[in-house]
């Protein structure tokens, strides 16, 4: 007995549709690749911004304490406000990275992978039908036994 394949509802719907032509498939795949490239670029940019913000959150207090060491009143009165604002911006940017940008890139990559797998199914069925046709054409004079 063969194991049942676990397909999503979308895969069942796509399996009912007629297969795409090569041109349509190439266009769709180029769109998916472009979406993945764009999402990766945005995710990378936001990741670098988050890393720089966290680095600033760690470096600025260290430098400020080092400069003010031994000199009373050296740190400006607006320094704590600046650090709170920087910390809030850093936390908001970090949350947006993990909630918005990273999942978007992962979804775009998985959509491209699903598309490739669905196209493989289409190509396999096309090849098996071609093989069946050629074997039937090769044996026209034979009678079934």
N, C-alpha and C. Protein backbone atom coordinates (compact mmCIF):
# COMPACT_ATOMS: atom_id res chain seq x y z
N UNK A 1 0.84 -1.17 0.00
CA UNK A 1 0.00 0.00 0.00
C UNK A 1 0.90 1.24 0.00
N UNK A 2 0.61 2.20 -0.83
CA UNK A 2 1.42 3.41 -0.85
C UNK A 2 0.86 4.41 0.16
N UNK A 3 1.77 5.24 0.66
CA UNK A 3 1.36 6.24 1.64
C UNK A 3 0.63 7.37 0.93
N UNK A 4 -0.41 7.90 1.55
CA UNK A 4 -1.10 9.03 0.93
C UNK A 4 -0.22 10.27 0.97
N UNK A 5 -0.30 11.06 -0.07
CA UNK A 5 0.47 12.30 -0.09
C UNK A 5 -0.31 13.37 0.64
N UNK A 6 0.40 14.15 1.41
CA UNK A 6 -0.22 15.22 2.17
C UNK A 6 -0.12 16.49 1.35
N UNK A 7 -1.22 16.92 0.79
CA UNK A 7 -1.24 18.12 -0.02
C UNK A 7 -2.13 19.16 0.65
N UNK A 8 -1.77 20.40 0.43
CA UNK A 8 -2.60 21.48 0.94
C UNK A 8 -3.80 21.67 0.01
N UNK A 9 -4.75 22.41 0.49
CA UNK A 9 -5.94 22.68 -0.30
C UNK A 9 -5.56 23.40 -1.60
N UNK A 10 -4.62 24.33 -1.50
CA UNK A 10 -4.18 25.07 -2.69
C UNK A 10 -3.55 24.14 -3.72
N UNK A 11 -2.77 23.17 -3.26
CA UNK A 11 -2.14 22.22 -4.19
C UNK A 11 -3.19 21.37 -4.90
N UNK A 12 -4.26 21.00 -4.18
CA UNK A 12 -5.35 20.25 -4.82
C UNK A 12 -6.04 21.10 -5.88
N UNK A 13 -6.25 22.38 -5.57
CA UNK A 13 -6.88 23.27 -6.56
C UNK A 13 -5.98 23.46 -7.78
N UNK A 14 -4.68 23.65 -7.54
CA UNK A 14 -3.76 23.84 -8.65
C UNK A 14 -3.67 22.58 -9.50
N UNK A 15 -3.75 21.42 -8.86
CA UNK A 15 -3.68 20.17 -9.61
C UNK A 15 -4.87 20.02 -10.56
N UNK A 16 -6.00 20.64 -10.24
CA UNK A 16 -7.18 20.55 -11.10
C UNK A 16 -7.08 21.48 -12.31
N UNK A 17 -6.26 22.53 -12.20
CA UNK A 17 -6.10 23.47 -13.30
C UNK A 17 -5.29 22.85 -14.42
N UNK A 18 -5.51 23.32 -15.65
CA UNK A 18 -4.66 22.83 -16.73
C UNK A 18 -3.24 23.35 -16.52
N UNK A 19 -2.25 22.60 -16.93
CA UNK A 19 -0.87 23.03 -16.69
C UNK A 19 -0.55 24.31 -17.46
N UNK A 20 0.33 25.11 -16.87
CA UNK A 20 0.75 26.35 -17.51
C UNK A 20 1.68 26.04 -18.68
N UNK A 21 1.66 26.91 -19.64
CA UNK A 21 2.62 26.77 -20.72
C UNK A 21 4.00 27.17 -20.20
N UNK A 22 5.02 26.82 -20.93
CA UNK A 22 6.38 27.15 -20.50
C UNK A 22 6.56 28.66 -20.35
N UNK A 23 5.98 29.42 -21.27
CA UNK A 23 6.12 30.88 -21.22
C UNK A 23 5.44 31.44 -19.97
N UNK A 24 4.22 30.97 -19.69
CA UNK A 24 3.50 31.42 -18.51
C UNK A 24 4.24 31.04 -17.24
N UNK A 25 4.77 29.81 -17.23
CA UNK A 25 5.50 29.36 -16.06
C UNK A 25 6.75 30.22 -15.84
N UNK A 26 7.50 30.50 -16.91
CA UNK A 26 8.70 31.33 -16.79
C UNK A 26 8.37 32.73 -16.26
N UNK A 27 7.28 33.31 -16.77
CA UNK A 27 6.88 34.64 -16.30
C UNK A 27 6.50 34.61 -14.82
N UNK A 28 5.73 33.59 -14.44
CA UNK A 28 5.33 33.46 -13.04
C UNK A 28 6.54 33.23 -12.14
N UNK A 29 7.45 32.41 -12.59
CA UNK A 29 8.64 32.14 -11.78
C UNK A 29 9.52 33.39 -11.68
N UNK A 30 9.62 34.16 -12.75
CA UNK A 30 10.39 35.40 -12.68
C UNK A 30 9.76 36.37 -11.68
N UNK A 31 8.43 36.42 -11.64
CA UNK A 31 7.75 37.27 -10.66
C UNK A 31 8.05 36.81 -9.23
N UNK A 32 8.02 35.49 -9.02
CA UNK A 32 8.33 34.96 -7.69
C UNK A 32 9.78 35.23 -7.31
N UNK A 33 10.69 35.07 -8.26
CA UNK A 33 12.10 35.34 -7.98
C UNK A 33 12.32 36.82 -7.68
N UNK A 34 11.63 37.69 -8.40
CA UNK A 34 11.74 39.13 -8.14
C UNK A 34 11.20 39.46 -6.75
N UNK A 35 10.07 38.86 -6.38
CA UNK A 35 9.51 39.09 -5.05
C UNK A 35 10.47 38.61 -3.96
N UNK A 36 11.12 37.46 -4.20
CA UNK A 36 12.08 36.96 -3.23
C UNK A 36 13.29 37.88 -3.14
N UNK A 37 13.78 38.36 -4.26
CA UNK A 37 14.93 39.26 -4.26
C UNK A 37 14.60 40.56 -3.54
N UNK A 38 13.43 41.12 -3.83
CA UNK A 38 13.03 42.36 -3.17
C UNK A 38 12.87 42.17 -1.66
N UNK A 39 12.23 41.09 -1.27
CA UNK A 39 12.03 40.81 0.16
C UNK A 39 13.36 40.58 0.86
N UNK A 40 14.29 39.88 0.19
CA UNK A 40 15.61 39.64 0.78
C UNK A 40 16.38 40.95 0.94
N UNK A 41 16.27 41.81 -0.05
CA UNK A 41 16.97 43.09 0.01
C UNK A 41 16.43 43.95 1.16
N UNK A 42 15.09 44.04 1.28
CA UNK A 42 14.50 44.82 2.37
C UNK A 42 14.86 44.22 3.73
N UNK A 43 14.78 42.90 3.82
CA UNK A 43 15.09 42.23 5.09
C UNK A 43 16.54 42.46 5.48
N UNK A 44 17.44 42.41 4.53
CA UNK A 44 18.85 42.63 4.81
C UNK A 44 19.09 44.06 5.27
N UNK A 45 18.45 45.01 4.62
CA UNK A 45 18.60 46.42 5.00
C UNK A 45 18.10 46.66 6.42
N UNK A 46 16.94 46.12 6.75
CA UNK A 46 16.38 46.31 8.09
C UNK A 46 17.23 45.58 9.13
N UNK A 47 17.74 44.39 8.78
CA UNK A 47 18.62 43.66 9.70
C UNK A 47 19.86 44.48 10.04
N UNK A 48 20.47 45.09 9.03
CA UNK A 48 21.66 45.92 9.28
C UNK A 48 21.30 47.13 10.13
N UNK A 49 20.15 47.73 9.88
CA UNK A 49 19.71 48.87 10.68
C UNK A 49 19.52 48.47 12.14
N UNK A 50 18.91 47.31 12.35
CA UNK A 50 18.69 46.83 13.72
C UNK A 50 20.02 46.56 14.41
N UNK A 51 20.94 45.93 13.70
CA UNK A 51 22.25 45.65 14.31
C UNK A 51 22.99 46.94 14.66
N UNK A 52 22.93 47.92 13.79
CA UNK A 52 23.59 49.20 14.07
C UNK A 52 22.93 49.91 15.25
N UNK A 53 21.60 49.87 15.31
CA UNK A 53 20.90 50.50 16.43
C UNK A 53 21.27 49.83 17.76
N UNK A 54 21.32 48.50 17.78
CA UNK A 54 21.70 47.81 19.01
C UNK A 54 23.15 48.10 19.37
N UNK A 55 23.99 48.22 18.38
CA UNK A 55 25.38 48.57 18.63
C UNK A 55 25.47 49.98 19.24
N UNK A 56 24.70 50.91 18.69
CA UNK A 56 24.67 52.26 19.25
C UNK A 56 24.14 52.27 20.68
N UNK A 57 23.13 51.45 20.94
CA UNK A 57 22.59 51.37 22.30
C UNK A 57 23.63 50.86 23.30
N UNK A 58 24.56 50.06 22.82
CA UNK A 58 25.61 49.55 23.71
C UNK A 58 26.82 50.48 23.79
N UNK A 59 27.14 51.12 22.69
CA UNK A 59 28.36 51.95 22.65
C UNK A 59 28.16 53.32 23.28
N UNK A 60 27.06 53.98 22.99
CA UNK A 60 26.86 55.35 23.47
C UNK A 60 26.92 55.44 24.99
N UNK A 61 26.24 54.55 25.73
CA UNK A 61 26.36 54.67 27.20
C UNK A 61 27.79 54.41 27.69
N UNK A 62 28.48 53.48 27.06
CA UNK A 62 29.86 53.17 27.47
C UNK A 62 30.77 54.37 27.23
N UNK A 63 30.64 54.99 26.08
CA UNK A 63 31.46 56.16 25.77
C UNK A 63 31.10 57.32 26.68
N UNK A 64 29.81 57.53 26.91
CA UNK A 64 29.38 58.64 27.76
C UNK A 64 29.87 58.47 29.18
N UNK A 65 29.81 57.26 29.70
CA UNK A 65 30.30 57.00 31.06
C UNK A 65 31.82 57.17 31.10
N UNK A 66 32.50 56.70 30.04
CA UNK A 66 33.95 56.85 29.99
C UNK A 66 34.38 58.30 29.93
N UNK A 67 33.66 59.13 29.20
CA UNK A 67 33.99 60.56 29.11
C UNK A 67 33.68 61.29 30.41
N UNK A 68 32.60 60.87 31.06
CA UNK A 68 32.17 61.56 32.27
C UNK A 68 32.86 61.02 33.52
N UNK A 69 33.68 60.00 33.38
CA UNK A 69 34.32 59.39 34.55
C UNK A 69 35.26 60.39 35.22
N UNK A 70 34.99 60.69 36.44
CA UNK A 70 35.83 61.59 37.20
C UNK A 70 35.50 63.06 36.99
N UNK A 71 34.63 63.39 36.06
CA UNK A 71 34.26 64.79 35.81
C UNK A 71 32.77 64.92 36.11
N UNK A 72 32.39 65.44 37.26
CA UNK A 72 30.97 65.55 37.59
C UNK A 72 30.26 66.55 36.67
N UNK A 73 29.06 66.19 36.28
CA UNK A 73 28.24 67.06 35.43
C UNK A 73 28.66 67.07 33.97
N UNK A 74 29.53 66.15 33.57
CA UNK A 74 30.01 66.11 32.18
C UNK A 74 28.91 65.65 31.21
N UNK A 75 28.05 64.71 31.65
CA UNK A 75 26.99 64.19 30.78
C UNK A 75 25.87 65.22 30.68
N UNK A 76 25.41 65.47 29.45
CA UNK A 76 24.38 66.47 29.22
C UNK A 76 23.06 66.06 29.87
N UNK A 77 22.22 67.04 30.13
CA UNK A 77 20.93 66.76 30.75
C UNK A 77 19.98 66.06 29.79
N UNK A 78 20.19 66.15 28.49
CA UNK A 78 19.31 65.50 27.51
C UNK A 78 19.78 64.08 27.16
N UNK A 79 20.90 63.67 27.73
CA UNK A 79 21.43 62.33 27.44
C UNK A 79 20.44 61.20 27.78
N UNK A 80 19.82 61.20 28.99
CA UNK A 80 18.86 60.11 29.27
C UNK A 80 17.69 60.08 28.29
N UNK A 81 17.18 61.24 27.89
CA UNK A 81 16.10 61.29 26.93
C UNK A 81 16.53 60.71 25.59
N UNK A 82 17.72 61.06 25.16
CA UNK A 82 18.26 60.52 23.92
C UNK A 82 18.38 59.00 23.98
N UNK A 83 18.84 58.49 25.09
CA UNK A 83 19.00 57.03 25.23
C UNK A 83 17.64 56.34 25.25
N UNK A 84 16.64 56.94 25.90
CA UNK A 84 15.31 56.33 25.90
C UNK A 84 14.71 56.31 24.50
N UNK A 85 14.85 57.41 23.78
CA UNK A 85 14.33 57.47 22.41
C UNK A 85 15.05 56.45 21.53
N UNK A 86 16.38 56.38 21.65
CA UNK A 86 17.14 55.41 20.86
C UNK A 86 16.74 53.98 21.20
N UNK A 87 16.54 53.69 22.46
CA UNK A 87 16.13 52.35 22.87
C UNK A 87 14.73 52.01 22.35
N UNK A 88 13.81 52.97 22.40
CA UNK A 88 12.45 52.72 21.89
C UNK A 88 12.48 52.48 20.39
N UNK A 89 13.22 53.30 19.66
CA UNK A 89 13.33 53.12 18.21
C UNK A 89 13.95 51.76 17.89
N UNK A 90 14.96 51.38 18.64
CA UNK A 90 15.63 50.10 18.41
C UNK A 90 14.67 48.93 18.66
N UNK A 91 13.91 49.01 19.73
CA UNK A 91 12.98 47.92 20.04
C UNK A 91 11.87 47.84 18.98
N UNK A 92 11.34 48.99 18.56
CA UNK A 92 10.30 48.99 17.53
C UNK A 92 10.85 48.42 16.22
N UNK A 93 12.05 48.81 15.85
CA UNK A 93 12.66 48.32 14.62
C UNK A 93 12.94 46.81 14.70
N UNK A 94 13.36 46.34 15.86
CA UNK A 94 13.62 44.91 16.05
C UNK A 94 12.33 44.11 15.93
N UNK A 95 11.28 44.60 16.54
CA UNK A 95 9.98 43.91 16.46
C UNK A 95 9.48 43.89 15.02
N UNK A 96 9.62 45.02 14.32
CA UNK A 96 9.16 45.05 12.92
C UNK A 96 9.98 44.10 12.05
N UNK A 97 11.26 43.94 12.38
CA UNK A 97 12.08 42.99 11.62
C UNK A 97 11.55 41.58 11.79
N UNK A 98 11.29 41.17 13.02
CA UNK A 98 10.85 39.80 13.27
C UNK A 98 9.40 39.55 12.91
N UNK A 99 8.58 40.60 12.90
CA UNK A 99 7.16 40.41 12.62
C UNK A 99 6.84 40.63 11.15
N UNK A 100 7.54 41.55 10.49
CA UNK A 100 7.17 41.90 9.13
C UNK A 100 8.17 41.45 8.08
N UNK A 101 9.42 41.83 8.22
CA UNK A 101 10.37 41.65 7.13
C UNK A 101 10.90 40.22 7.02
N UNK A 102 11.26 39.60 8.12
CA UNK A 102 11.76 38.23 8.06
C UNK A 102 10.70 37.25 7.57
N UNK A 103 9.45 37.29 8.10
CA UNK A 103 8.43 36.37 7.58
C UNK A 103 8.10 36.61 6.10
N UNK A 104 8.17 37.86 5.65
CA UNK A 104 7.89 38.14 4.25
C UNK A 104 8.91 37.45 3.35
N UNK A 105 10.18 37.52 3.74
CA UNK A 105 11.22 36.87 2.94
C UNK A 105 11.04 35.35 2.98
N UNK A 106 10.71 34.82 4.14
CA UNK A 106 10.52 33.37 4.24
C UNK A 106 9.32 32.90 3.42
N UNK A 107 8.23 33.69 3.42
CA UNK A 107 7.07 33.33 2.60
C UNK A 107 7.38 33.37 1.12
N UNK A 108 8.15 34.38 0.71
CA UNK A 108 8.50 34.49 -0.72
C UNK A 108 9.37 33.30 -1.13
N UNK A 109 10.29 32.90 -0.28
CA UNK A 109 11.14 31.74 -0.60
C UNK A 109 10.34 30.46 -0.65
N UNK A 110 9.42 30.28 0.28
CA UNK A 110 8.63 29.04 0.26
C UNK A 110 7.65 29.03 -0.91
N UNK A 111 7.16 30.19 -1.33
CA UNK A 111 6.28 30.23 -2.51
C UNK A 111 7.05 29.82 -3.75
N UNK A 112 8.29 30.27 -3.86
CA UNK A 112 9.11 29.88 -5.00
C UNK A 112 9.41 28.38 -4.97
N UNK A 113 9.69 27.84 -3.79
CA UNK A 113 9.95 26.40 -3.67
C UNK A 113 8.71 25.58 -4.02
N UNK A 114 7.54 26.02 -3.54
CA UNK A 114 6.30 25.31 -3.88
C UNK A 114 6.05 25.34 -5.37
N UNK A 115 6.32 26.48 -5.99
CA UNK A 115 6.13 26.60 -7.42
C UNK A 115 7.04 25.65 -8.17
N UNK A 116 8.26 25.53 -7.74
CA UNK A 116 9.21 24.61 -8.39
C UNK A 116 8.73 23.17 -8.23
N UNK A 117 8.25 22.80 -7.05
CA UNK A 117 7.77 21.44 -6.83
C UNK A 117 6.52 21.14 -7.66
N UNK A 118 5.61 22.11 -7.74
CA UNK A 118 4.41 21.89 -8.55
C UNK A 118 4.77 21.77 -10.03
N UNK A 119 5.77 22.52 -10.48
CA UNK A 119 6.20 22.40 -11.87
C UNK A 119 6.86 21.04 -12.11
N UNK A 120 7.57 20.53 -11.11
CA UNK A 120 8.16 19.20 -11.27
C UNK A 120 7.07 18.14 -11.46
N UNK A 121 5.99 18.25 -10.70
CA UNK A 121 4.86 17.32 -10.88
C UNK A 121 4.32 17.41 -12.31
N UNK A 122 4.19 18.63 -12.80
CA UNK A 122 3.68 18.83 -14.17
C UNK A 122 4.63 18.21 -15.19
N UNK A 123 5.91 18.43 -15.00
CA UNK A 123 6.89 17.90 -15.95
C UNK A 123 6.95 16.37 -15.90
N UNK A 124 6.83 15.80 -14.73
CA UNK A 124 6.85 14.34 -14.60
C UNK A 124 5.65 13.73 -15.31
N UNK A 125 4.46 14.32 -15.10
CA UNK A 125 3.27 13.78 -15.77
C UNK A 125 3.39 13.97 -17.28
N UNK A 126 3.97 15.06 -17.73
CA UNK A 126 4.17 15.29 -19.17
C UNK A 126 5.14 14.25 -19.74
N UNK A 127 6.22 13.99 -19.02
CA UNK A 127 7.19 13.00 -19.50
C UNK A 127 6.62 11.59 -19.52
N UNK A 128 5.84 11.23 -18.51
CA UNK A 128 5.25 9.89 -18.51
C UNK A 128 4.25 9.73 -19.65
N UNK A 129 3.50 10.80 -19.95
CA UNK A 129 2.57 10.69 -21.08
C UNK A 129 3.34 10.59 -22.40
N UNK A 130 4.45 11.29 -22.51
CA UNK A 130 5.27 11.18 -23.73
C UNK A 130 5.86 9.78 -23.87
N UNK A 131 6.31 9.22 -22.76
CA UNK A 131 6.88 7.86 -22.79
C UNK A 131 5.81 6.86 -23.18
N UNK A 132 4.61 7.02 -22.62
CA UNK A 132 3.51 6.12 -22.97
C UNK A 132 3.17 6.23 -24.45
N UNK A 133 3.19 7.44 -24.99
CA UNK A 133 2.90 7.63 -26.41
C UNK A 133 3.96 6.97 -27.29
N UNK A 134 5.22 7.15 -26.94
CA UNK A 134 6.28 6.57 -27.78
C UNK A 134 6.28 5.05 -27.70
N UNK A 135 5.98 4.50 -26.53
CA UNK A 135 5.94 3.04 -26.45
C UNK A 135 4.76 2.48 -27.23
N UNK A 136 3.65 3.19 -27.27
CA UNK A 136 2.50 2.74 -28.06
C UNK A 136 2.78 2.85 -29.56
N UNK A 137 3.52 3.90 -29.93
CA UNK A 137 3.86 4.07 -31.36
C UNK A 137 4.90 3.05 -31.80
N UNK A 138 5.76 2.61 -30.89
CA UNK A 138 6.79 1.64 -31.24
C UNK A 138 6.22 0.24 -31.46
N UNK A 139 5.06 -0.08 -30.87
CA UNK A 139 4.48 -1.40 -30.97
C UNK A 139 3.13 -1.38 -31.69
N UNK A 140 3.02 -0.85 -32.86
CA UNK A 140 1.70 -0.80 -33.50
C UNK A 140 1.23 -2.16 -34.00
N UNK A 141 2.13 -3.03 -34.42
CA UNK A 141 1.72 -4.29 -35.03
C UNK A 141 1.51 -5.40 -34.02
N UNK A 142 1.88 -5.17 -32.78
CA UNK A 142 1.75 -6.23 -31.80
C UNK A 142 0.31 -6.31 -31.30
N UNK A 143 -0.13 -7.53 -31.09
CA UNK A 143 -1.48 -7.72 -30.56
C UNK A 143 -1.36 -8.06 -29.08
N UNK A 144 -2.30 -7.60 -28.31
CA UNK A 144 -2.23 -7.91 -26.88
C UNK A 144 -2.43 -9.40 -26.66
N UNK A 145 -1.68 -9.97 -25.74
CA UNK A 145 -1.80 -11.40 -25.48
C UNK A 145 -2.67 -11.71 -24.29
